[in-house]
C-alpha atoms as a PDB file:
ATOM      1  CA  UNK A   1      21.084  12.771  -5.902  1.00  0.00           C
ATOM      2  CA  UNK A   2      22.127  12.700  -2.188  1.00  0.00           C
ATOM      3  CA  UNK A   3      23.133   9.068  -1.909  1.00  0.00           C
ATOM      4  CA  UNK A   4      22.984   9.210   1.807  1.00  0.00           C
ATOM      5  CA  UNK A   5      19.062   9.475   1.432  1.00  0.00           C
ATOM      6  CA  UNK A   6      17.009   6.755  -0.227  1.00  0.00           C
ATOM      7  CA  UNK A   7      14.540   8.113  -2.922  1.00  0.00           C
ATOM      8  CA  UNK A   8      11.466   6.981  -1.250  1.00  0.00           C
ATOM      9  CA  UNK A   9      12.921   8.857   1.980  1.00  0.00           C
ATOM     10  CA  UNK A  10      13.229  12.285  -0.192  1.00  0.00           C
ATOM     11  CA  UNK A  11      10.099  11.869  -1.441  1.00  0.00           C
ATOM     12  CA  UNK A  12       8.338  11.136   1.870  1.00  0.00           C
ATOM     13  CA  UNK A  13       9.819  14.508   2.910  1.00  0.00           C
ATOM     14  CA  UNK A  14       8.601  16.139  -0.255  1.00  0.00           C
ATOM     15  CA  UNK A  15       4.878  14.585   0.505  1.00  0.00           C
ATOM     16  CA  UNK A  16       4.753  16.040   4.024  1.00  0.00           C
ATOM     17  CA  UNK A  17       5.493  19.623   2.631  1.00  0.00           C
ATOM     18  CA  UNK A  18       2.905  18.889  -0.011  1.00  0.00           C
ATOM     19  CA  UNK A  19       0.478  17.925   2.953  1.00  0.00           C
ATOM     20  CA  UNK A  20       0.937  20.815   4.988  1.00  0.00           C
ATOM     21  CA  UNK A  21       0.135  22.953   1.959  1.00  0.00           C
ATOM     22  CA  UNK A  22      -3.099  21.193   0.826  1.00  0.00           C
ATOM     23  CA  UNK A  23      -4.376  19.523   3.648  1.00  0.00           C
ATOM     24  CA  UNK A  24      -6.512  16.321   3.130  1.00  0.00           C
ATOM     25  CA  UNK A  25      -7.140  17.111  -0.441  1.00  0.00           C
ATOM     26  CA  UNK A  26      -3.228  15.935  -0.849  1.00  0.00           C
ATOM     27  CA  UNK A  27      -4.532  12.561  -0.930  1.00  0.00           C
ATOM     28  CA  UNK A  28      -7.136  13.462  -3.869  1.00  0.00           C
ATOM     29  CA  UNK A  29      -4.224  14.937  -6.014  1.00  0.00           C
ATOM     30  CA  UNK A  30      -1.683  12.022  -5.297  1.00  0.00           C
ATOM     31  CA  UNK A  31      -1.243  11.861  -9.042  1.00  0.00           C
ATOM     32  CA  UNK A  32      -0.157  15.183  -9.766  1.00  0.00           C
ATOM     33  CA  UNK A  33       2.304  14.847  -6.791  1.00  0.00           C
ATOM     34  CA  UNK A  34       3.970  11.784  -7.967  1.00  0.00           C
ATOM     35  CA  UNK A  35       4.323  12.744 -11.439  1.00  0.00           C
ATOM     36  CA  UNK A  36       6.647  15.884 -10.136  1.00  0.00           C
ATOM     37  CA  UNK A  37       8.514  12.982  -7.973  1.00  0.00           C
ATOM     38  CA  UNK A  38       8.848  10.886 -11.409  1.00  0.00           C
ATOM     39  CA  UNK A  39      10.070  14.196 -13.124  1.00  0.00           C
ATOM     40  CA  UNK A  40      12.446  14.697 -10.555  1.00  0.00           C
ATOM     41  CA  UNK A  41      13.700  10.925 -10.017  1.00  0.00           C
ATOM     42  CA  UNK A  42      14.398  10.462 -13.831  1.00  0.00           C
ATOM     43  CA  UNK A  43      16.133  13.795 -14.205  1.00  0.00           C
ATOM     44  CA  UNK A  44      18.548  13.210 -11.162  1.00  0.00           C
ATOM     45  CA  UNK A  45      19.015   9.150 -11.962  1.00  0.00           C
ATOM     46  CA  UNK A  46      19.545   9.251 -15.894  1.00  0.00           C
ATOM     47  CA  UNK A  47      21.822  11.800 -15.197  1.00  0.00           C
ATOM     48  CA  UNK A  48      23.704   9.950 -12.296  1.00  0.00           C
ATOM     49  CA  UNK A  49      23.674   6.999 -14.473  1.00  0.00           C
ATOM     50  CA  UNK A  50      25.274   8.556 -17.433  1.00  0.00           C
ATOM     51  CA  UNK A  51      28.036  10.191 -15.224  1.00  0.00           C
ATOM     52  CA  UNK A  52      28.864   6.247 -14.500  1.00  0.00           C
ATOM     53  CA  UNK A  53      29.536   5.681 -18.038  1.00  0.00           C
ATOM     54  CA  UNK A  54      25.901   4.252 -19.305  1.00  0.00           C
ATOM     55  CA  UNK A  55      24.274   5.628 -22.608  1.00  0.00           C
ATOM     56  CA  UNK A  56      21.399   7.724 -22.593  1.00  0.00           C
ATOM     57  CA  UNK A  57      19.308   4.650 -23.463  1.00  0.00           C
ATOM     58  CA  UNK A  58      20.432   2.296 -20.788  1.00  0.00           C
ATOM     59  CA  UNK A  59      20.225   4.893 -18.188  1.00  0.00           C
ATOM     60  CA  UNK A  60      16.462   5.681 -18.981  1.00  0.00           C
ATOM     61  CA  UNK A  61      15.885   1.930 -19.024  1.00  0.00           C
ATOM     62  CA  UNK A  62      17.511   1.577 -15.596  1.00  0.00           C
ATOM     63  CA  UNK A  63      15.733   4.479 -14.056  1.00  0.00           C
ATOM     64  CA  UNK A  64      12.379   3.331 -15.260  1.00  0.00           C
ATOM     65  CA  UNK A  65      13.006  -0.200 -13.495  1.00  0.00           C
ATOM     66  CA  UNK A  66      14.127   1.674 -10.565  1.00  0.00           C
ATOM     67  CA  UNK A  67      11.206   3.831 -10.232  1.00  0.00           C
ATOM     68  CA  UNK A  68       8.675   1.131 -10.370  1.00  0.00           C
ATOM     69  CA  UNK A  69      10.297  -0.215  -6.963  1.00  0.00           C
ATOM     70  CA  UNK A  70      10.461   3.768  -5.489  1.00  0.00           C
ATOM     71  CA  UNK A  71       6.609   4.452  -6.239  1.00  0.00           C
ATOM     72  CA  UNK A  72       5.433   1.295  -4.588  1.00  0.00           C
ATOM     73  CA  UNK A  73       7.382   2.022  -1.492  1.00  0.00           C
ATOM     74  CA  UNK A  74       6.500   5.828  -1.767  1.00  0.00           C
ATOM     75  CA  UNK A  75       2.651   4.838  -1.878  1.00  0.00           C
ATOM     76  CA  UNK A  76       2.858   2.928   1.138  1.00  0.00           C
ATOM     77  CA  UNK A  77       4.484   5.621   3.053  1.00  0.00           C
ATOM     78  CA  UNK A  78       1.509   7.886   1.811  1.00  0.00           C
ATOM     79  CA  UNK A  79      -0.913   5.621   3.378  1.00  0.00           C
ATOM     80  CA  UNK A  80       1.412   5.520   6.395  1.00  0.00           C
ATOM     81  CA  UNK A  81       1.139   9.366   6.869  1.00  0.00           C
ATOM     82  CA  UNK A  82      -2.720   9.236   6.486  1.00  0.00           C
ATOM     83  CA  UNK A  83      -3.091   6.663   9.285  1.00  0.00           C
ATOM     84  CA  UNK A  84      -0.547   7.478  11.634  1.00  0.00           C
ATOM     85  CA  UNK A  85      -2.541   9.912  13.731  1.00  0.00           C
ATOM     86  CA  UNK A  86      -5.727   7.466  14.083  1.00  0.00           C
ATOM     87  CA  UNK A  87      -2.991   4.634  15.070  1.00  0.00           C
ATOM     88  CA  UNK A  88      -1.555   6.676  17.901  1.00  0.00           C
ATOM     89  CA  UNK A  89      -5.016   7.975  18.876  1.00  0.00           C
ATOM     90  CA  UNK A  90      -6.259   3.974  19.199  1.00  0.00           C
ATOM     91  CA  UNK A  91      -2.690   2.667  20.263  1.00  0.00           C
ATOM     92  CA  UNK A  92      -2.578   0.611  16.919  1.00  0.00           C
ATOM     93  CA  UNK A  93       0.699  -0.600  15.669  1.00  0.00           C
ATOM     94  CA  UNK A  94       1.586  -1.194  12.013  1.00  0.00           C
ATOM     95  CA  UNK A  95       4.014  -3.603  10.387  1.00  0.00           C
ATOM     96  CA  UNK A  96       4.323  -5.181   6.964  1.00  0.00           C
ATOM     97  CA  UNK A  97       5.156  -8.271   5.294  1.00  0.00           C
ATOM     98  CA  UNK A  98       8.663  -7.847   4.598  1.00  0.00           C
ATOM     99  CA  UNK A  99       9.534  -7.045   8.122  1.00  0.00           C
ATOM    100  CA  UNK A 100       7.688 -10.475   9.254  1.00  0.00           C
ATOM    101  CA  UNK A 101       9.406 -12.359   6.309  1.00  0.00           C
ATOM    102  CA  UNK A 102      12.809 -12.090   8.572  1.00  0.00           C
ATOM    103  CA  UNK A 103      13.919 -14.952  10.682  1.00  0.00           C
ATOM    104  CA  UNK A 104      14.465 -14.850  14.164  1.00  0.00           C
ATOM    105  CA  UNK A 105      11.597 -12.577  15.117  1.00  0.00           C
ATOM    106  CA  UNK A 106      10.793 -12.262  18.866  1.00  0.00           C
ATOM    107  CA  UNK A 107       8.223 -11.246  21.085  1.00  0.00           C
ATOM    108  CA  UNK A 108       5.483  -8.983  19.605  1.00  0.00           C
ATOM    109  CA  UNK A 109       6.281  -9.499  16.089  1.00  0.00           C
ATOM    110  CA  UNK A 110       6.669 -13.154  16.134  1.00  0.00           C
ATOM    111  CA  UNK A 111       3.139 -13.500  17.839  1.00  0.00           C
ATOM    112  CA  UNK A 112       1.856 -11.233  14.862  1.00  0.00           C
ATOM    113  CA  UNK A 113       3.371 -13.261  12.483  1.00  0.00           C
ATOM    114  CA  UNK A 114       2.061 -16.530  14.151  1.00  0.00           C
ATOM    115  CA  UNK A 115      -1.564 -15.050  13.871  1.00  0.00           C
ATOM    116  CA  UNK A 116      -1.546 -14.250  10.277  1.00  0.00           C
ATOM    117  CA  UNK A 117      -0.070 -17.472   8.594  1.00  0.00           C
ATOM    118  CA  UNK A 118      -1.994 -19.305   6.111  1.00  0.00           C
ATOM    119  CA  UNK A 119      -2.067 -23.014   6.336  1.00  0.00           C
ATOM    120  CA  UNK A 120      -1.486 -24.830   3.333  1.00  0.00           C
ATOM    121  CA  UNK A 121      -0.940 -28.321   5.003  1.00  0.00           C
ATOM    122  CA  UNK A 122       2.434 -29.147   5.644  1.00  0.00           C
ATOM    123  CA  UNK A 123       3.613 -25.333   4.748  1.00  0.00           C
ATOM    124  CA  UNK A 124       2.547 -22.216   6.534  1.00  0.00           C
ATOM    125  CA  UNK A 125       2.702 -19.341   4.449  1.00  0.00           C
ATOM    126  CA  UNK A 126       2.694 -15.475   5.055  1.00  0.00           C
ATOM    127  CA  UNK A 127       0.273 -13.789   2.988  1.00  0.00           C
ATOM    128  CA  UNK A 128       1.006 -10.466   1.292  1.00  0.00           C
ATOM    129  CA  UNK A 129       0.565  -7.473   3.209  1.00  0.00           C
ATOM    130  CA  UNK A 130       1.876  -3.878   2.719  1.00  0.00           C
ATOM    131  CA  UNK A 131       0.488  -2.296   5.834  1.00  0.00           C
ATOM    132  CA  UNK A 132      -0.734  -4.545   8.601  1.00  0.00           C
ATOM    133  CA  UNK A 133      -2.684  -2.974  11.523  1.00  0.00           C
ATOM    134  CA  UNK A 134      -2.956  -4.610  14.974  1.00  0.00           C
ATOM    135  CA  UNK A 135      -3.386  -3.744  18.469  1.00  0.00           C
ATOM    136  CA  UNK A 136      -1.826  -5.320  21.283  1.00  0.00           C
ATOM    137  CA  UNK A 137      -4.213  -4.351  24.523  1.00  0.00           C
ATOM    138  CA  UNK A 138      -5.548  -6.421  25.809  1.00  0.00           C
ATOM    139  CA  UNK A 139      -3.888  -9.196  23.556  1.00  0.00           C
ATOM    140  CA  UNK A 140      -2.274  -9.169  20.185  1.00  0.00           C
ATOM    141  CA  UNK A 141      -5.020  -9.167  17.343  1.00  0.00           C
ATOM    142  CA  UNK A 142      -4.763  -8.420  13.753  1.00  0.00           C
ATOM    143  CA  UNK A 143      -7.280  -5.923  12.612  1.00  0.00           C
ATOM    144  CA  UNK A 144      -6.620  -5.309   9.018  1.00  0.00           C
ATOM    145  CA  UNK A 145      -4.229  -5.640   6.067  1.00  0.00           C
ATOM    146  CA  UNK A 146      -3.966  -2.833   3.464  1.00  0.00           C
ATOM    147  CA  UNK A 147      -2.743  -3.682  -0.027  1.00  0.00           C
ATOM    148  CA  UNK A 148      -1.605  -0.643  -1.345  1.00  0.00           C
ATOM    149  CA  UNK A 149      -1.002  -0.687  -5.455  1.00  0.00           C
ATOM    150  CA  UNK A 150      -0.285   1.902  -7.907  1.00  0.00           C
ATOM    151  CA  UNK A 151      -1.669  -0.288 -10.917  1.00  0.00           C
ATOM    152  CA  UNK A 152      -3.151  -3.909 -11.396  1.00  0.00           C
ATOM    153  CA  UNK A 153      -2.376  -5.111 -14.742  1.00  0.00           C
ATOM    154  CA  UNK A 154      -3.044  -8.975 -14.585  1.00  0.00           C
ATOM    155  CA  UNK A 155      -2.257  -9.042 -10.993  1.00  0.00           C
ATOM    156  CA  UNK A 156      -5.967  -7.971  -9.539  1.00  0.00           C
ATOM    157  CA  UNK A 157      -6.548 -11.489  -8.226  1.00  0.00           C
ATOM    158  CA  UNK A 158      -3.636 -11.633  -5.892  1.00  0.00           C
ATOM    159  CA  UNK A 159      -5.056  -9.649  -2.967  1.00  0.00           C
ATOM    160  CA  UNK A 160      -8.456 -11.504  -3.277  1.00  0.00           C
ATOM    161  CA  UNK A 161      -6.950 -14.745  -3.307  1.00  0.00           C
ATOM    162  CA  UNK A 162      -5.296 -13.797   0.317  1.00  0.00           C
ATOM    163  CA  UNK A 163      -8.620 -12.600   1.557  1.00  0.00           C
ATOM    164  CA  UNK A 164     -10.274 -15.821   0.498  1.00  0.00           C
ATOM    165  CA  UNK A 165      -7.651 -17.916   2.211  1.00  0.00           C
ATOM    166  CA  UNK A 166      -7.602 -15.567   5.478  1.00  0.00           C
ATOM    167  CA  UNK A 167     -11.514 -15.974   5.437  1.00  0.00           C
ATOM    168  CA  UNK A 168     -11.283 -19.615   5.420  1.00  0.00           C
ATOM    169  CA  UNK A 169      -9.380 -19.831   8.942  1.00  0.00           C
ATOM    170  CA  UNK A 170     -11.003 -19.472  12.159  1.00  0.00           C
ATOM    171  CA  UNK A 171      -7.914 -17.536  13.831  1.00  0.00           C
ATOM    172  CA  UNK A 172      -7.942 -14.906  10.991  1.00  0.00           C
ATOM    173  CA  UNK A 173     -11.492 -14.519   9.403  1.00  0.00           C
ATOM    174  CA  UNK A 174     -11.880 -11.590  10.956  1.00  0.00           C
ATOM    175  CA  UNK A 175      -8.929  -9.827   9.325  1.00  0.00           C
ATOM    176  CA  UNK A 176     -10.378  -7.198   6.875  1.00  0.00           C
ATOM    177  CA  UNK A 177      -8.470  -6.671   3.606  1.00  0.00           C
ATOM    178  CA  UNK A 178      -8.764  -3.000   2.176  1.00  0.00           C
ATOM    179  CA  UNK A 179      -7.407  -1.936  -1.070  1.00  0.00           C
ATOM    180  CA  UNK A 180      -5.936   1.593  -1.615  1.00  0.00           C
ATOM    181  CA  UNK A 181      -4.844   2.617  -5.185  1.00  0.00           C
ATOM    182  CA  UNK A 182      -4.836   6.060  -7.229  1.00  0.00           C
ATOM    183  CA  UNK A 183      -5.470   3.775 -10.148  1.00  0.00           C
ATOM    184  CA  UNK A 184      -4.235   6.288 -12.416  1.00  0.00           C
ATOM    185  CA  UNK A 185      -5.049   3.918 -15.483  1.00  0.00           C
ATOM    186  CA  UNK A 186      -8.798   3.595 -14.554  1.00  0.00           C
ATOM    187  CA  UNK A 187      -8.365  -0.093 -14.239  1.00  0.00           C
ATOM    188  CA  UNK A 188     -11.390  -0.329 -11.482  1.00  0.00           C
ATOM    189  CA  UNK A 189     -12.758   3.392 -11.048  1.00  0.00           C
ATOM    190  CA  UNK A 190     -15.690   2.973 -13.311  1.00  0.00           C
ATOM    191  CA  UNK A 191     -18.585   1.027 -13.834  1.00  0.00           C
ATOM    192  CA  UNK A 192     -18.178  -1.557 -16.621  1.00  0.00           C
ATOM    193  CA  UNK A 193     -17.284  -5.137 -17.557  1.00  0.00           C
ATOM    194  CA  UNK A 194     -13.877  -5.304 -16.300  1.00  0.00           C
ATOM    195  CA  UNK A 195     -13.184  -8.455 -14.518  1.00  0.00           C
ATOM    196  CA  UNK A 196     -10.458  -6.440 -12.129  1.00  0.00           C
ATOM    197  CA  UNK A 197     -13.317  -4.502 -10.620  1.00  0.00           C
ATOM    198  CA  UNK A 198     -15.677  -7.070 -10.496  1.00  0.00           C
ATOM    199  CA  UNK A 199     -13.528  -9.292  -8.801  1.00  0.00           C
ATOM    200  CA  UNK A 200     -11.947  -7.051  -6.017  1.00  0.00           C
ATOM    201  CA  UNK A 201     -15.114  -5.482  -5.179  1.00  0.00           C
ATOM    202  CA  UNK A 202     -16.953  -8.621  -4.661  1.00  0.00           C
ATOM    203  CA  UNK A 203     -13.762 -10.269  -2.454  1.00  0.00           C
ATOM    204  CA  UNK A 204     -12.617  -7.440  -0.633  1.00  0.00           C
ATOM    205  CA  UNK A 205     -13.778  -5.681   2.322  1.00  0.00           C
ATOM    206  CA  UNK A 206     -13.416  -2.355   0.548  1.00  0.00           C
ATOM    207  CA  UNK A 207     -11.573  -0.139  -1.851  1.00  0.00           C
ATOM    208  CA  UNK A 208     -10.198   3.335  -1.379  1.00  0.00           C
ATOM    209  CA  UNK A 209      -9.333   5.548  -4.513  1.00  0.00           C
ATOM    210  CA  UNK A 210      -6.946   8.288  -4.160  1.00  0.00           C
ATOM    211  CA  UNK A 211      -8.479  10.369  -6.831  1.00  0.00           C
ATOM    212  CA  UNK A 212     -11.716  12.815  -6.895  1.00  0.00           C
ATOM    213  CA  UNK A 213     -13.681  11.195 -10.224  1.00  0.00           C
ATOM    214  CA  UNK A 214     -14.900   7.767  -9.879  1.00  0.00           C
ATOM    215  CA  UNK A 215     -17.981   5.625  -9.791  1.00  0.00           C
ATOM    216  CA  UNK A 216     -18.641   4.741  -6.046  1.00  0.00           C
ATOM    217  CA  UNK A 217     -20.522   2.284  -4.398  1.00  0.00           C
ATOM    218  CA  UNK A 218     -20.997   0.444  -0.962  1.00  0.00           C
ATOM    219  CA  UNK A 219     -17.439  -1.171  -1.093  1.00  0.00           C
ATOM    220  CA  UNK A 220     -15.651   1.466  -3.644  1.00  0.00           C
ATOM    221  CA  UNK A 221     -14.910   4.671  -1.657  1.00  0.00           C
ATOM    222  CA  UNK A 222     -12.836   7.793  -1.609  1.00  0.00           C
ATOM    223  CA  UNK A 223      -9.237   7.291   0.125  1.00  0.00           C
ATOM    224  CA  UNK A 224     -10.721  10.033   2.860  1.00  0.00           C
ATOM    225  CA  UNK A 225     -13.273   7.333   3.892  1.00  0.00           C
ATOM    226  CA  UNK A 226     -10.412   4.861   5.072  1.00  0.00           C
ATOM    227  CA  UNK A 227     -10.196   6.228   8.690  1.00  0.00           C
ATOM    228  CA  UNK A 228     -13.946   6.092   9.055  1.00  0.00           C
ATOM    229  CA  UNK A 229     -13.923   2.596   8.057  1.00  0.00           C
ATOM    230  CA  UNK A 230     -10.928   1.248  10.249  1.00  0.00           C
ATOM    231  CA  UNK A 231     -12.547   3.174  13.231  1.00  0.00           C
ATOM    232  CA  UNK A 232     -15.562   0.885  12.877  1.00  0.00           C
ATOM    233  CA  UNK A 233     -13.523  -2.357  13.219  1.00  0.00           C
ATOM    234  CA  UNK A 234     -11.888  -1.532  16.609  1.00  0.00           C
END
């Protein structure tokens, strides 16, 4: 693998090509796209680790651990590609919690951070936010937080928790929290007794699935509906 480009940056370039070839249907076929990217990543990284002296088994384990980080950032990039024209049209900007965690923020980003902090008495805490959408005119206002997840396992309460905390503060109660996921393991896609779907559907403002087959509802929709719902909160 070319060490001058990070894996998720390479995936971003591959995704842009895939997007040009398939249009909006690209976002309904993310599983197929990422399975191919995973295959390429494993092939290249395992070979690289073996060249550096690791055994086949150790190389595979290390590659598997690396993919978890790569797929997370890559999914965020895919969503950024989906919303970039919308944000440009309405003069909106995006940031994320990783940027806002940096010290010595100045100007605009410092104000964005202050307008999203959660009050825990003697401490102010930055909520999780994979993509934070905000406007600057006539003043800085946080519109929505997009939580982008590949899978949930036992972590399905994390995003609803931050929604509840933000809703309890006057300065942040207007902020919408949307979940975007391919939900490859069908943890929330279909109606049943799964706590993950029940909790997230009840607490969040919207859940957008990057797939074709699922049981929809007023809040659980196709990822292709995301732009319209963002436009509705401007």
